[in-house]
């Protein structure tokens, strides 16, 4: 395996692009990008209920091998094969982006060792799947040239869009496409996901990136509308509200066409005037279709209250348990015995698994990694990160075996286009200019 080659980016774009990888390497990388995109979609579509019907993926017990998603294995194997075949060419900017990913992996390893020294068990499955493997997969993105990165990101957005369409159709038909193992008071679609709230999470995190595509403006507008309506159809209230606000915030930062300031201001007025007219109509349609039924009883219902009540656990334990942690299995049993609910809070899981200071270190590294990647993509990428975290922190999305963190990392790298790629090509800096 060849060591990565770091080269300093010139101050300005050169003339003709200089190929720094061989034709065989370029051909292999292009094929690897297609396989990688397929595995990303497979990771999303092969949901927990589907895998659990074949292997013990997310249930109690089982072997460690079963606890890693087959598509994750595929992407990691593809990474290893690629590293043995291709010389990685990175700019200094990209090296600085990769550094937080590997530092975070080191922090996770240190926390696990500390917990083992203290004699406490740690749920290693989600740390391996969601974070260590997820960050290695994100590193893999830097192997591909910019056009292939963009193709992978667009593939994810196409999945998000198809998923939203299916959510709408499932809600209208009252029938799911994939198995759903949970009982519920009212029907909520799941489309190609494992839970309705997953639709809210991935839509709120990905919707802003629609503006980063090279789709026509009309198609971008239609995609935004479908994704938001799909989120309402899923009954994901927090996700629907955050996705709507994120879209508005991103649109407000989007450059308008026009040669003069007055012309650009006129287009902005037309855009937001159209939104003011269309939004009430869409809400009426959504209401008639039953998409808003979960809002009828107010925002705080039994499910939302359960996610608030779980924090009572901090009143039942000592400060020592909070500062240095406690066996999470015992904590989950305590909550079930006293409140009859599951621990659906990443905050509770992180504090009791790593202790308060370890949880702060973990959360700080995660935030740093996400914001570091968002820094050069486009200012609107910050909106995507904040929207994603706002929804993720309302449940246990960050402390389970999921692909959502990987999705956000991949999207920000895919549409990060302010540095030359491995083939020496310089793209435009911002999404609107891509």
Protein backbone atom coordinates (compact mmCIF):
# COMPACT_ATOMS: atom_id res chain seq x y z
CA UNK A 1 0.00 0.00 0.00
CA UNK A 2 1.39 3.36 -0.99
CA UNK A 3 1.43 6.23 1.45
CA UNK A 4 -0.83 9.20 0.68
CA UNK A 5 0.78 11.91 -1.40
CA UNK A 6 0.20 15.44 -0.15
CA UNK A 7 0.59 18.31 -2.53
CA UNK A 8 0.13 22.01 -1.99
CA UNK A 9 -2.72 23.53 -3.95
CA UNK A 10 -1.61 26.39 -6.22
CA UNK A 11 -2.91 29.83 -5.40
CA UNK A 12 -4.97 29.94 -8.59
CA UNK A 13 -6.38 27.44 -10.99
CA UNK A 14 -3.92 26.16 -13.58
CA UNK A 15 -4.62 25.88 -17.28
CA UNK A 16 -5.03 22.31 -18.54
CA UNK A 17 -5.60 19.71 -15.84
CA UNK A 18 -2.55 17.61 -15.01
CA UNK A 19 -3.33 13.92 -14.52
CA UNK A 20 -1.56 12.69 -11.41
CA UNK A 21 -3.02 9.18 -11.42
CA UNK A 22 -2.44 6.55 -14.07
CA UNK A 23 -5.18 5.52 -16.47
CA UNK A 24 -5.52 2.12 -14.79
CA UNK A 25 -5.85 3.77 -11.40
CA UNK A 26 -8.42 6.22 -12.72
CA UNK A 27 -10.43 3.41 -14.32
CA UNK A 28 -10.37 1.41 -11.09
CA UNK A 29 -11.39 4.44 -9.00
CA UNK A 30 -14.32 5.20 -11.30
CA UNK A 31 -15.59 1.64 -10.97
CA UNK A 32 -15.04 1.67 -7.22
CA UNK A 33 -17.14 4.84 -6.97
CA UNK A 34 -20.08 3.11 -8.66
CA UNK A 35 -19.80 0.12 -6.32
CA UNK A 36 -19.46 2.46 -3.35
CA UNK A 37 -22.64 4.34 -4.31
CA UNK A 38 -24.51 1.06 -4.62
CA UNK A 39 -23.30 -0.11 -1.19
CA UNK A 40 -24.38 3.19 0.40
CA UNK A 41 -27.91 2.68 -0.93
CA UNK A 42 -27.83 -0.98 0.16
CA UNK A 43 -26.82 0.15 3.65
CA UNK A 44 -29.92 2.33 3.79
CA UNK A 45 -32.39 -0.12 2.22
CA UNK A 46 -31.37 -3.23 4.21
CA UNK A 47 -33.08 -2.08 7.39
CA UNK A 48 -32.84 -3.59 10.88
CA UNK A 49 -36.11 -5.58 10.60
CA UNK A 50 -35.01 -7.06 7.27
CA UNK A 51 -31.59 -8.09 8.60
CA UNK A 52 -33.01 -9.41 11.87
CA UNK A 53 -35.11 -11.85 9.88
CA UNK A 54 -31.87 -13.44 8.68
CA UNK A 55 -29.21 -12.69 11.33
CA UNK A 56 -29.20 -11.30 14.87
CA UNK A 57 -28.18 -7.81 13.80
CA UNK A 58 -29.75 -5.51 16.39
CA UNK A 59 -31.15 -7.91 18.97
CA UNK A 60 -29.59 -8.96 22.26
CA UNK A 61 -26.83 -11.57 22.14
CA UNK A 62 -25.29 -12.95 18.99
CA UNK A 63 -21.76 -12.70 17.67
CA UNK A 64 -19.86 -9.50 16.97
CA UNK A 65 -19.67 -10.43 13.28
CA UNK A 66 -23.48 -10.27 13.06
CA UNK A 67 -23.55 -6.78 14.59
CA UNK A 68 -21.94 -5.11 11.56
CA UNK A 69 -24.09 -4.42 8.52
CA UNK A 70 -23.16 -6.45 5.40
CA UNK A 71 -22.97 -3.26 3.32
CA UNK A 72 -20.56 -1.78 5.86
CA UNK A 73 -18.36 -4.84 5.45
CA UNK A 74 -18.56 -4.32 1.71
CA UNK A 75 -17.47 -0.67 1.89
CA UNK A 76 -14.59 -1.43 4.26
CA UNK A 77 -13.37 -4.29 2.05
CA UNK A 78 -13.61 -2.01 -0.98
CA UNK A 79 -11.58 0.60 0.92
CA UNK A 80 -8.81 -1.90 1.70
CA UNK A 81 -8.70 -3.13 -1.91
CA UNK A 82 -8.62 0.45 -3.20
CA UNK A 83 -5.76 1.40 -0.88
CA UNK A 84 -3.71 -1.45 -2.32
CA UNK A 85 -4.44 -0.43 -5.91
CA UNK A 86 -4.49 3.36 -5.94
CA UNK A 87 -2.09 6.09 -4.93
CA UNK A 88 -4.08 8.57 -2.83
CA UNK A 89 -3.42 12.20 -3.71
CA UNK A 90 -4.59 14.72 -1.12
CA UNK A 91 -4.35 18.46 -0.84
CA UNK A 92 -3.22 20.00 2.44
CA UNK A 93 -6.78 21.18 3.01
CA UNK A 94 -8.04 17.62 2.70
CA UNK A 95 -5.40 16.38 5.12
CA UNK A 96 -6.69 18.88 7.67
CA UNK A 97 -10.22 17.61 7.07
CA UNK A 98 -9.24 13.99 7.56
CA UNK A 99 -7.34 14.67 10.78
CA UNK A 100 -10.48 15.13 12.99
CA UNK A 101 -11.92 11.86 11.70
CA UNK A 102 -8.95 9.82 12.87
CA UNK A 103 -8.59 11.80 16.10
CA UNK A 104 -12.22 10.94 16.85
CA UNK A 105 -11.51 7.25 16.24
CA UNK A 106 -8.61 7.55 18.71
CA UNK A 107 -10.89 9.23 21.28
CA UNK A 108 -13.40 6.39 20.95
CA UNK A 109 -10.65 3.80 21.42
CA UNK A 110 -9.39 5.65 24.50
CA UNK A 111 -12.87 5.84 26.03
CA UNK A 112 -13.47 2.12 25.44
CA UNK A 113 -10.14 1.24 27.08
CA UNK A 114 -10.96 3.47 30.05
CA UNK A 115 -14.34 1.79 30.51
CA UNK A 116 -12.71 -1.63 30.36
CA UNK A 117 -10.15 -0.58 32.97
CA UNK A 118 -13.03 0.56 35.20
CA UNK A 119 -14.58 -2.87 34.81
CA UNK A 120 -17.69 -1.75 32.92
CA UNK A 121 -19.10 -3.15 29.74
CA UNK A 122 -19.51 -0.87 26.74
CA UNK A 123 -21.87 -1.31 23.79
CA UNK A 124 -19.13 -1.64 21.21
CA UNK A 125 -21.46 -2.53 18.31
CA UNK A 126 -22.76 0.95 17.56
CA UNK A 127 -19.31 2.50 18.12
CA UNK A 128 -17.85 0.18 15.50
CA UNK A 129 -20.71 0.49 13.01
CA UNK A 130 -21.76 4.12 13.34
CA UNK A 131 -18.53 5.91 14.18
CA UNK A 132 -15.34 3.95 13.51
CA UNK A 133 -16.59 2.33 10.29
CA UNK A 134 -18.53 5.47 9.38
CA UNK A 135 -15.47 7.69 9.66
CA UNK A 136 -13.34 5.25 7.66
CA UNK A 137 -16.02 5.29 4.97
CA UNK A 138 -15.93 9.09 5.00
CA UNK A 139 -12.15 8.94 4.52
CA UNK A 140 -12.78 6.67 1.53
CA UNK A 141 -14.58 9.56 -0.19
CA UNK A 142 -11.30 11.45 -0.54
CA UNK A 143 -9.98 8.70 -2.83
CA UNK A 144 -12.48 9.68 -5.53
CA UNK A 145 -12.21 12.63 -7.92
CA UNK A 146 -14.68 15.44 -7.37
CA UNK A 147 -17.10 14.34 -10.08
CA UNK A 148 -17.39 10.86 -8.57
CA UNK A 149 -17.85 12.32 -5.09
CA UNK A 150 -20.68 14.44 -6.46
CA UNK A 151 -22.20 11.37 -8.14
CA UNK A 152 -22.19 9.51 -4.82
CA UNK A 153 -23.80 12.45 -3.04
CA UNK A 154 -26.44 12.79 -5.75
CA UNK A 155 -27.19 9.07 -5.43
CA UNK A 156 -27.91 9.53 -1.73
CA UNK A 157 -30.21 12.46 -2.48
CA UNK A 158 -32.00 10.38 -5.13
CA UNK A 159 -32.60 7.72 -2.45
CA UNK A 160 -33.91 10.41 -0.07
CA UNK A 161 -36.27 11.68 -2.77
CA UNK A 162 -37.56 8.21 -3.71
CA UNK A 163 -37.99 7.42 -0.02
CA UNK A 164 -40.09 10.58 0.45
CA UNK A 165 -42.29 9.67 -2.53
CA UNK A 166 -42.84 6.18 -1.10
CA UNK A 167 -43.71 7.65 2.30
CA UNK A 168 -46.41 9.78 0.68
CA UNK A 169 -47.79 6.82 -1.28
CA UNK A 170 -47.74 4.55 1.78
CA UNK A 171 -49.64 7.12 3.82
CA UNK A 172 -52.28 7.52 1.13
CA UNK A 173 -52.60 3.75 0.61
CA UNK A 174 -52.33 2.85 4.30
CA UNK A 175 -49.94 0.02 3.49
CA UNK A 176 -46.18 -0.39 4.08
CA UNK A 177 -43.67 -1.74 1.62
CA UNK A 178 -41.25 -3.19 4.22
CA UNK A 179 -41.93 -5.09 7.48
CA UNK A 180 -42.43 -3.04 10.63
CA UNK A 181 -42.17 -4.86 13.99
CA UNK A 182 -43.68 -2.19 16.28
CA UNK A 183 -47.25 -1.59 17.39
CA UNK A 184 -48.64 1.90 16.89
CA UNK A 185 -51.84 3.83 17.56
CA UNK A 186 -52.04 5.33 14.07
CA UNK A 187 -50.50 4.33 10.76
CA UNK A 188 -47.21 5.99 9.91
CA UNK A 189 -45.27 5.09 6.75
CA UNK A 190 -41.69 3.90 6.88
CA UNK A 191 -40.90 3.67 3.13
CA UNK A 192 -37.36 2.26 2.73
CA UNK A 193 -36.40 2.88 6.37
CA UNK A 194 -36.85 1.05 9.66
CA UNK A 195 -38.97 3.70 11.44
CA UNK A 196 -41.03 6.82 10.62
CA UNK A 197 -38.69 8.98 12.70
CA UNK A 198 -35.80 7.89 10.49
CA UNK A 199 -37.52 9.62 7.58
CA UNK A 200 -37.67 12.81 9.63
CA UNK A 201 -33.99 12.58 10.54
CA UNK A 202 -32.50 11.85 7.13
CA UNK A 203 -34.81 14.33 5.38
CA UNK A 204 -33.95 17.16 7.78
CA UNK A 205 -30.23 16.48 7.35
CA UNK A 206 -30.24 15.98 3.58
CA UNK A 207 -32.86 18.43 2.32
CA UNK A 208 -30.44 21.39 2.21
CA UNK A 209 -28.08 19.47 -0.08
CA UNK A 210 -30.71 19.45 -2.81
CA UNK A 211 -29.54 23.02 -3.46
CA UNK A 212 -26.02 21.66 -4.06
CA UNK A 213 -27.06 19.48 -6.99
CA UNK A 214 -26.84 20.40 -10.66
CA UNK A 215 -30.54 19.81 -11.11
CA UNK A 216 -32.59 22.51 -12.79
CA UNK A 217 -34.14 25.10 -10.44
CA UNK A 218 -37.66 23.76 -11.07
CA UNK A 219 -36.54 20.23 -10.22
CA UNK A 220 -34.79 21.47 -7.08
CA UNK A 221 -37.97 23.21 -5.97
CA UNK A 222 -40.06 20.11 -6.65
CA UNK A 223 -37.56 17.92 -4.76
CA UNK A 224 -37.65 20.24 -1.74
CA UNK A 225 -41.44 20.13 -1.70
CA UNK A 226 -41.58 16.32 -2.00
CA UNK A 227 -39.01 15.75 0.74
CA UNK A 228 -40.81 18.09 3.14
CA UNK A 229 -44.22 16.59 2.33
CA UNK A 230 -42.78 13.09 2.76
CA UNK A 231 -41.55 14.09 6.21
CA UNK A 232 -45.03 15.31 7.19
CA UNK A 233 -46.54 12.12 5.75
CA UNK A 234 -44.28 10.04 8.02
CA UNK A 235 -45.66 11.82 11.07
CA UNK A 236 -42.14 12.88 12.09
CA UNK A 237 -43.16 16.16 13.68
CA UNK A 238 -39.74 17.41 14.78
CA UNK A 239 -38.19 16.34 11.49
CA UNK A 240 -40.94 18.02 9.46
CA UNK A 241 -40.62 21.31 11.33
CA UNK A 242 -36.81 21.32 11.20
CA UNK A 243 -36.70 20.29 7.52
CA UNK A 244 -39.07 23.12 6.64
CA UNK A 245 -37.08 25.70 8.60
CA UNK A 246 -33.77 24.42 7.21
CA UNK A 247 -35.08 24.71 3.65
CA UNK A 248 -36.22 28.29 4.23
CA UNK A 249 -32.93 29.23 5.87
CA UNK A 250 -30.91 27.69 3.03
CA UNK A 251 -33.04 29.38 0.38
CA UNK A 252 -32.51 32.73 2.08
CA UNK A 253 -28.74 32.26 1.64
CA UNK A 254 -29.02 31.08 -1.96
CA UNK A 255 -27.70 33.43 -4.63
CA UNK A 256 -30.35 34.65 -7.02
CA UNK A 257 -29.82 35.02 -10.80
CA UNK A 258 -29.38 38.46 -12.27
CA UNK A 259 -26.63 40.88 -13.24
CA UNK A 260 -27.64 43.70 -10.91
CA UNK A 261 -28.57 43.86 -7.26
CA UNK A 262 -32.06 45.07 -8.16
CA UNK A 263 -32.63 42.13 -10.49
CA UNK A 264 -31.44 39.65 -7.86
CA UNK A 265 -33.67 41.30 -5.26
CA UNK A 266 -36.62 40.98 -7.62
CA UNK A 267 -36.02 37.25 -8.07
CA UNK A 268 -35.72 36.81 -4.30
CA UNK A 269 -39.03 38.62 -3.81
CA UNK A 270 -40.65 36.36 -6.42
CA UNK A 271 -39.25 33.25 -4.71
CA UNK A 272 -40.41 34.07 -1.20
CA UNK A 273 -43.69 35.53 -2.46
CA UNK A 274 -44.36 32.21 -4.17
CA UNK A 275 -43.51 30.37 -0.96
CA UNK A 276 -45.92 32.52 1.04
CA UNK A 277 -48.64 31.68 -1.45
CA UNK A 278 -47.82 27.98 -1.85
CA UNK A 279 -47.18 27.08 1.82
CA UNK A 280 -50.83 27.45 2.98
CA UNK A 281 -52.04 25.46 -0.04
CA UNK A 282 -49.57 22.66 0.70
CA UNK A 283 -50.66 22.59 4.34
CA UNK A 284 -54.30 22.28 3.26
CA UNK A 285 -53.40 19.40 0.95
CA UNK A 286 -51.33 17.76 3.69
CA UNK A 287 -54.20 18.13 6.16
CA UNK A 288 -56.71 16.62 3.76
CA UNK A 289 -54.34 13.69 3.11
CA UNK A 290 -53.98 13.05 6.85
CA UNK A 291 -50.33 14.10 6.99
CA UNK A 292 -50.95 16.46 9.93
CA UNK A 293 -52.94 14.14 12.19
CA UNK A 294 -50.05 13.78 14.65
CA UNK A 295 -50.12 17.54 15.21
CA UNK A 296 -53.79 17.55 16.22
CA UNK A 297 -53.12 16.60 19.84
CA UNK A 298 -50.32 19.12 20.25
CA UNK A 299 -46.59 18.70 19.95
CA UNK A 300 -46.08 16.91 23.29
CA UNK A 301 -47.90 13.59 23.19
CA UNK A 302 -47.18 10.30 24.95
CA UNK A 303 -44.17 9.49 22.77
CA UNK A 304 -42.63 12.94 23.17
CA UNK A 305 -43.29 12.90 26.91
CA UNK A 306 -41.47 9.57 27.22
CA UNK A 307 -38.35 11.14 25.73
CA UNK A 308 -38.58 13.87 28.35
CA UNK A 309 -39.38 11.57 31.28
CA UNK A 310 -36.29 9.47 30.62
CA UNK A 311 -34.13 12.28 32.04
CA UNK A 312 -35.62 11.53 35.46
CA UNK A 313 -32.98 8.81 35.65
CA UNK A 314 -30.42 11.45 36.63
CA UNK A 315 -32.42 12.03 39.84
CA UNK A 316 -32.16 8.36 40.79
CA UNK A 317 -28.38 7.98 40.61
CA UNK A 318 -25.44 9.47 42.44
CA UNK A 319 -23.10 12.16 41.18
CA UNK A 320 -20.42 9.49 40.96
CA UNK A 321 -22.56 7.54 38.48
CA UNK A 322 -22.96 10.69 36.39
CA UNK A 323 -19.30 11.71 36.49
CA UNK A 324 -17.70 8.32 35.83
CA UNK A 325 -20.63 6.44 34.34
CA UNK A 326 -22.58 3.32 35.17
CA UNK A 327 -23.48 0.05 33.46
CA UNK A 328 -25.92 1.11 30.74
CA UNK A 329 -27.76 -2.22 30.94
CA UNK A 330 -28.59 -1.50 34.58
CA UNK A 331 -29.72 2.01 33.70
CA UNK A 332 -32.01 0.74 30.93
CA UNK A 333 -33.52 -1.84 33.29
CA UNK A 334 -34.06 0.86 35.95
CA UNK A 335 -35.90 3.09 33.49
CA UNK A 336 -38.06 0.22 32.25
CA UNK A 337 -38.95 -0.92 35.76
CA UNK A 338 -39.84 2.55 37.05
CA UNK A 339 -41.25 4.27 33.97
CA UNK A 340 -42.06 1.41 31.63
CA UNK A 341 -40.27 3.07 28.72
CA UNK A 342 -37.13 2.52 26.65
CA UNK A 343 -34.09 4.75 26.91
CA UNK A 344 -34.48 6.73 23.69
CA UNK A 345 -31.91 9.39 24.49
CA UNK A 346 -28.35 9.56 23.24
CA UNK A 347 -27.53 11.97 26.08
CA UNK A 348 -28.44 9.36 28.69
CA UNK A 349 -26.53 6.62 26.86
CA UNK A 350 -23.37 8.69 26.41
CA UNK A 351 -23.29 9.99 30.01
CA UNK A 352 -23.69 6.57 31.58
CA UNK A 353 -21.41 4.79 29.13
CA UNK A 354 -18.53 7.28 29.17
CA UNK A 355 -19.16 9.43 32.24
CA UNK A 356 -19.97 13.13 32.00
CA UNK A 357 -16.50 14.25 30.90
CA UNK A 358 -16.17 11.38 28.43
CA UNK A 359 -19.60 12.19 27.01
CA UNK A 360 -18.60 15.84 26.58
CA UNK A 361 -15.39 14.78 24.82
CA UNK A 362 -17.34 12.43 22.56
CA UNK A 363 -19.98 15.05 21.71
CA UNK A 364 -17.34 17.74 21.20
CA UNK A 365 -15.36 15.60 18.77
CA UNK A 366 -18.51 14.70 16.83
CA UNK A 367 -19.53 18.35 16.54
CA UNK A 368 -16.00 19.40 15.57
CA UNK A 369 -15.80 16.74 12.86
CA UNK A 370 -19.15 17.70 11.33
CA UNK A 371 -18.52 21.44 11.44
CA UNK A 372 -14.99 21.02 10.10
CA UNK A 373 -16.31 19.27 7.00
CA UNK A 374 -19.11 21.82 6.62
CA UNK A 375 -16.67 24.74 6.82
CA UNK A 376 -15.55 24.63 3.20
CA UNK A 377 -18.53 23.07 1.48
CA UNK A 378 -20.85 26.06 1.50
CA UNK A 379 -22.31 28.22 4.31
CA UNK A 380 -25.59 26.36 3.88
CA UNK A 381 -23.90 23.12 4.97
CA UNK A 382 -23.86 24.52 8.51
CA UNK A 383 -27.66 24.65 8.34
CA UNK A 384 -27.71 20.98 7.35
CA UNK A 385 -25.50 20.00 10.30
CA UNK A 386 -27.52 21.97 12.84
CA UNK A 387 -30.82 20.65 11.45
CA UNK A 388 -29.54 17.07 11.58
CA UNK A 389 -28.27 17.37 15.15
CA UNK A 390 -31.46 19.10 16.32
CA UNK A 391 -33.53 16.12 15.18
CA UNK A 392 -30.98 13.47 16.18
CA UNK A 393 -30.75 14.76 19.75
CA UNK A 394 -34.52 14.39 20.18
CA UNK A 395 -34.11 10.60 20.26
CA UNK A 396 -31.38 7.93 20.31
CA UNK A 397 -30.24 8.28 16.69
CA UNK A 398 -26.63 9.02 17.70
CA UNK A 399 -26.28 6.05 20.03
CA UNK A 400 -27.43 3.20 17.81
CA UNK A 401 -26.16 1.24 14.82
CA UNK A 402 -27.25 3.57 12.07
CA UNK A 403 -25.95 5.04 8.81
CA UNK A 404 -27.10 8.61 9.44
CA UNK A 405 -23.73 9.98 10.59
CA UNK A 406 -22.11 8.35 7.56
CA UNK A 407 -24.76 9.96 5.35
CA UNK A 408 -23.98 13.44 6.65
CA UNK A 409 -20.22 12.98 6.36
CA UNK A 410 -20.50 11.65 2.81
CA UNK A 411 -22.86 14.42 1.70
CA UNK A 412 -20.59 17.18 3.01
CA UNK A 413 -17.54 15.65 1.34
CA UNK A 414 -19.46 14.93 -1.87
CA UNK A 415 -20.50 18.56 -2.30
CA UNK A 416 -17.37 20.11 -0.85
CA UNK A 417 -15.85 21.66 -3.95
CA UNK A 418 -13.42 24.40 -3.00
CA UNK A 419 -10.20 22.44 -3.51
CA UNK A 420 -8.57 20.71 -6.48
CA UNK A 421 -9.30 17.03 -6.86
CA UNK A 422 -6.86 14.15 -7.35
CA UNK A 423 -6.79 14.88 -11.07
CA UNK A 424 -5.73 18.51 -10.62
CA UNK A 425 -9.08 19.99 -11.66
CA UNK A 426 -10.36 23.12 -9.93
CA UNK A 427 -14.13 23.43 -9.54
CA UNK A 428 -16.16 26.46 -8.54
CA UNK A 429 -16.28 27.31 -4.86
CA UNK A 430 -19.96 27.48 -3.92
CA UNK A 431 -22.94 25.25 -4.64
CA UNK A 432 -24.77 27.91 -6.61
CA UNK A 433 -21.77 28.25 -8.93
CA UNK A 434 -21.16 24.53 -9.42
